[in-house]
Amino acid sequence: MEITVDNIKCGGCAGSITKKLTATFGTDKINVNIEKGIININLDNSKKDELSKVLLDLGYPEIDSVHGFDSAKAKAKSFVSCAIGKMDQ
């Protein structure tokens, strides 16, 4: 499954996303394209809503899914996730 999200800026972001998705879905077949904001994960399409929620909770909402204050909240969460990802490297 492929999903395009906002707020991916660096390897710290990718690390946090990969770690959380691996723990949540039990797969290590995850590829994060930082430049394009695309995440590829080996998941059944029936799990798309759950995947979107996990990513939103990390601060990486699906493109055009949040606006206004919710977008600002997502950006703030992504900074925290990114920092944690950088510390885990």
N, C-alpha and C. Protein backbone atom coordinates (compact mmCIF):
# COMPACT_ATOMS: atom_id res chain seq x y z
N MET A 1 0.85 -1.17 0.00
CA MET A 1 0.00 0.00 0.00
C MET A 1 0.90 1.23 0.00
N GLU A 2 0.44 2.25 -0.71
CA GLU A 2 1.18 3.50 -0.77
C GLU A 2 0.30 4.63 -0.24
N ILE A 3 0.91 5.49 0.58
CA ILE A 3 0.19 6.64 1.12
C ILE A 3 1.12 7.85 1.08
N THR A 4 0.58 8.99 0.70
CA THR A 4 1.36 10.22 0.64
C THR A 4 0.94 11.12 1.79
N VAL A 5 1.93 11.60 2.55
CA VAL A 5 1.65 12.36 3.76
C VAL A 5 2.39 13.69 3.76
N ASP A 6 1.95 14.58 4.63
CA ASP A 6 2.61 15.87 4.85
C ASP A 6 3.66 15.75 5.95
N ASN A 7 4.58 16.71 5.99
CA ASN A 7 5.49 16.98 7.10
C ASN A 7 6.74 16.10 7.19
N ILE A 8 6.97 15.19 6.26
CA ILE A 8 8.22 14.41 6.30
C ILE A 8 9.34 15.33 5.81
N LYS A 9 10.33 15.53 6.65
CA LYS A 9 11.42 16.45 6.31
C LYS A 9 12.80 15.80 6.26
N CYS A 10 12.99 14.70 7.03
CA CYS A 10 14.36 14.17 7.12
C CYS A 10 14.36 12.70 7.55
N GLY A 11 15.56 12.20 7.75
CA GLY A 11 15.71 10.81 8.19
C GLY A 11 15.16 10.56 9.59
N GLY A 12 15.14 11.60 10.44
CA GLY A 12 14.54 11.44 11.77
C GLY A 12 13.05 11.16 11.66
N CYS A 13 12.40 11.88 10.76
CA CYS A 13 10.97 11.65 10.51
C CYS A 13 10.77 10.21 10.01
N ALA A 14 11.55 9.84 9.01
CA ALA A 14 11.43 8.50 8.43
C ALA A 14 11.68 7.42 9.48
N GLY A 15 12.65 7.65 10.37
CA GLY A 15 12.94 6.68 11.42
C GLY A 15 11.79 6.51 12.38
N SER A 16 11.18 7.61 12.80
CA SER A 16 10.03 7.52 13.71
C SER A 16 8.85 6.82 13.04
N ILE A 17 8.60 7.15 11.79
CA ILE A 17 7.50 6.51 11.06
C ILE A 17 7.74 5.01 10.93
N THR A 18 8.95 4.65 10.51
CA THR A 18 9.27 3.23 10.33
C THR A 18 9.15 2.46 11.63
N LYS A 19 9.68 3.02 12.71
CA LYS A 19 9.63 2.35 14.01
C LYS A 19 8.19 2.14 14.48
N LYS A 20 7.36 3.18 14.37
CA LYS A 20 5.97 3.08 14.82
C LYS A 20 5.17 2.11 13.96
N LEU A 21 5.33 2.18 12.65
CA LEU A 21 4.57 1.29 11.77
C LEU A 21 5.01 -0.16 11.94
N THR A 22 6.30 -0.39 12.15
CA THR A 22 6.78 -1.74 12.40
C THR A 22 6.16 -2.31 13.67
N ALA A 23 6.14 -1.49 14.74
CA ALA A 23 5.57 -1.95 16.01
C ALA A 23 4.06 -2.15 15.91
N THR A 24 3.38 -1.29 15.20
CA THR A 24 1.92 -1.35 15.12
C THR A 24 1.43 -2.47 14.23
N PHE A 25 2.06 -2.64 13.07
CA PHE A 25 1.55 -3.58 12.07
C PHE A 25 2.38 -4.85 11.92
N GLY A 26 3.50 -4.94 12.62
CA GLY A 26 4.30 -6.15 12.60
C GLY A 26 4.95 -6.46 11.26
N THR A 27 5.24 -5.44 10.49
CA THR A 27 5.94 -5.64 9.22
C THR A 27 7.17 -4.76 9.17
N ASP A 28 8.23 -5.30 8.57
CA ASP A 28 9.42 -4.48 8.39
C ASP A 28 9.58 -4.10 6.92
N LYS A 29 8.55 -4.35 6.14
CA LYS A 29 8.57 -4.00 4.71
C LYS A 29 7.97 -2.61 4.54
N ILE A 30 8.77 -1.60 4.92
CA ILE A 30 8.34 -0.21 4.90
C ILE A 30 9.42 0.61 4.19
N ASN A 31 9.00 1.47 3.28
CA ASN A 31 9.92 2.35 2.59
C ASN A 31 9.35 3.77 2.68
N VAL A 32 10.16 4.70 3.18
CA VAL A 32 9.74 6.10 3.29
C VAL A 32 10.56 6.93 2.31
N ASN A 33 9.87 7.56 1.35
CA ASN A 33 10.52 8.46 0.41
C ASN A 33 10.39 9.87 0.98
N ILE A 34 11.46 10.37 1.56
CA ILE A 34 11.45 11.66 2.25
C ILE A 34 11.11 12.80 1.30
N GLU A 35 11.73 12.81 0.13
CA GLU A 35 11.54 13.92 -0.82
C GLU A 35 10.09 14.05 -1.28
N LYS A 36 9.43 12.92 -1.52
CA LYS A 36 8.07 12.94 -2.06
C LYS A 36 6.99 12.77 -0.99
N GLY A 37 7.39 12.42 0.25
CA GLY A 37 6.41 12.20 1.31
C GLY A 37 5.59 10.94 1.13
N ILE A 38 6.16 9.97 0.44
CA ILE A 38 5.44 8.73 0.14
C ILE A 38 5.93 7.60 1.04
N ILE A 39 4.97 6.90 1.62
CA ILE A 39 5.28 5.73 2.44
C ILE A 39 4.70 4.51 1.75
N ASN A 40 5.55 3.52 1.53
CA ASN A 40 5.10 2.22 1.01
C ASN A 40 5.23 1.22 2.15
N ILE A 41 4.15 0.49 2.38
CA ILE A 41 4.14 -0.50 3.45
C ILE A 41 3.40 -1.73 2.98
N ASN A 42 3.89 -2.87 3.38
CA ASN A 42 3.26 -4.14 3.00
C ASN A 42 2.07 -4.39 3.92
N LEU A 43 0.91 -3.84 3.55
CA LEU A 43 -0.32 -3.97 4.33
C LEU A 43 -1.50 -4.21 3.40
N ASP A 44 -2.49 -4.88 3.92
CA ASP A 44 -3.74 -5.06 3.19
C ASP A 44 -4.49 -3.73 3.13
N ASN A 45 -5.16 -3.46 2.03
CA ASN A 45 -5.89 -2.20 1.86
C ASN A 45 -6.96 -1.97 2.91
N SER A 46 -7.44 -3.03 3.54
CA SER A 46 -8.46 -2.89 4.59
C SER A 46 -7.92 -2.16 5.82
N LYS A 47 -6.61 -2.03 5.93
CA LYS A 47 -5.99 -1.36 7.08
C LYS A 47 -5.65 0.11 6.80
N LYS A 48 -6.12 0.66 5.68
CA LYS A 48 -5.76 2.03 5.31
C LYS A 48 -6.22 3.05 6.34
N ASP A 49 -7.43 2.92 6.86
CA ASP A 49 -7.92 3.88 7.86
C ASP A 49 -7.07 3.83 9.13
N GLU A 50 -6.71 2.63 9.55
CA GLU A 50 -5.86 2.48 10.73
C GLU A 50 -4.48 3.08 10.49
N LEU A 51 -3.94 2.84 9.30
CA LEU A 51 -2.63 3.40 8.94
C LEU A 51 -2.69 4.93 8.96
N SER A 52 -3.73 5.50 8.37
CA SER A 52 -3.88 6.95 8.34
C SER A 52 -3.94 7.53 9.74
N LYS A 53 -4.65 6.86 10.65
CA LYS A 53 -4.78 7.34 12.03
C LYS A 53 -3.43 7.29 12.75
N VAL A 54 -2.70 6.21 12.60
CA VAL A 54 -1.38 6.09 13.24
C VAL A 54 -0.45 7.20 12.74
N LEU A 55 -0.46 7.44 11.44
CA LEU A 55 0.39 8.49 10.88
C LEU A 55 -0.03 9.88 11.35
N LEU A 56 -1.34 10.12 11.41
CA LEU A 56 -1.83 11.40 11.92
C LEU A 56 -1.40 11.61 13.36
N ASP A 57 -1.49 10.57 14.18
CA ASP A 57 -1.08 10.66 15.58
C ASP A 57 0.40 11.00 15.72
N LEU A 58 1.21 10.59 14.73
CA LEU A 58 2.63 10.92 14.73
C LEU A 58 2.89 12.33 14.19
N GLY A 59 1.89 12.92 13.53
CA GLY A 59 2.07 14.25 12.94
C GLY A 59 2.27 14.24 11.44
N TYR A 60 1.97 13.11 10.81
CA TYR A 60 2.15 12.96 9.37
C TYR A 60 0.82 12.59 8.72
N PRO A 61 -0.08 13.58 8.59
CA PRO A 61 -1.41 13.29 8.03
C PRO A 61 -1.34 13.03 6.52
N GLU A 62 -2.29 12.25 6.05
CA GLU A 62 -2.40 12.03 4.62
C GLU A 62 -2.61 13.38 3.93
N ILE A 63 -2.03 13.55 2.77
CA ILE A 63 -2.11 14.82 2.02
C ILE A 63 -3.57 15.29 1.95
N ASP A 64 -3.78 16.57 2.22
CA ASP A 64 -5.08 17.24 2.14
C ASP A 64 -6.15 16.67 3.07
N SER A 65 -5.74 15.99 4.14
CA SER A 65 -6.74 15.42 5.06
C SER A 65 -7.00 16.30 6.27
N VAL A 66 -6.10 17.22 6.57
CA VAL A 66 -6.29 18.14 7.70
C VAL A 66 -6.03 19.57 7.24
N HIS A 67 -6.72 20.50 7.88
CA HIS A 67 -6.60 21.91 7.50
C HIS A 67 -6.66 22.78 8.75
N GLY A 68 -6.23 24.01 8.63
CA GLY A 68 -6.34 24.98 9.71
C GLY A 68 -5.59 24.56 10.96
N PHE A 69 -6.28 24.65 12.10
CA PHE A 69 -5.66 24.35 13.39
C PHE A 69 -5.18 22.90 13.44
N ASP A 70 -5.95 21.97 12.84
CA ASP A 70 -5.52 20.57 12.84
C ASP A 70 -4.22 20.37 12.08
N SER A 71 -4.03 21.16 11.04
CA SER A 71 -2.77 21.10 10.29
C SER A 71 -1.61 21.60 11.15
N ALA A 72 -1.85 22.67 11.89
CA ALA A 72 -0.81 23.21 12.79
C ALA A 72 -0.47 22.20 13.88
N LYS A 73 -1.48 21.53 14.43
CA LYS A 73 -1.24 20.50 15.45
C LYS A 73 -0.40 19.36 14.86
N ALA A 74 -0.71 18.96 13.65
CA ALA A 74 0.04 17.87 13.01
C ALA A 74 1.50 18.27 12.81
N LYS A 75 1.74 19.52 12.40
CA LYS A 75 3.12 19.97 12.23
C LYS A 75 3.88 19.95 13.54
N ALA A 76 3.23 20.39 14.62
CA ALA A 76 3.87 20.37 15.94
C ALA A 76 4.21 18.94 16.35
N LYS A 77 3.28 18.01 16.13
CA LYS A 77 3.53 16.60 16.47
C LYS A 77 4.68 16.05 15.63
N SER A 78 4.74 16.45 14.36
CA SER A 78 5.79 15.92 13.49
C SER A 78 7.17 16.38 13.95
N PHE A 79 7.27 17.61 14.50
CA PHE A 79 8.56 18.08 15.02
C PHE A 79 9.02 17.19 16.17
N VAL A 80 8.11 16.81 17.04
CA VAL A 80 8.44 15.94 18.17
C VAL A 80 8.85 14.56 17.66
N SER A 81 8.05 14.00 16.74
CA SER A 81 8.38 12.69 16.17
C SER A 81 9.74 12.71 15.49
N CYS A 82 10.01 13.78 14.77
CA CYS A 82 11.29 13.92 14.08
C CYS A 82 12.44 13.93 15.09
N ALA A 83 12.30 14.71 16.14
CA ALA A 83 13.35 14.81 17.16
C ALA A 83 13.61 13.44 17.79
N ILE A 84 12.54 12.72 18.09
CA ILE A 84 12.69 11.39 18.68
C ILE A 84 13.40 10.47 17.69
N GLY A 85 13.01 10.56 16.42
CA GLY A 85 13.65 9.74 15.39
C GLY A 85 15.14 10.04 15.25
N LYS A 86 15.51 11.31 15.39
CA LYS A 86 16.93 11.68 15.32
C LYS A 86 17.71 11.12 16.51
N MET A 87 17.09 11.12 17.69
CA MET A 87 17.77 10.59 18.88
C MET A 87 17.94 9.08 18.80
N ASP A 88 17.03 8.40 18.09
CA ASP A 88 17.10 6.95 17.97
C ASP A 88 18.11 6.48 16.93
N GLN A 89 18.62 7.41 16.11
CA GLN A 89 19.54 7.00 15.04
C GLN A 89 20.89 6.63 15.58
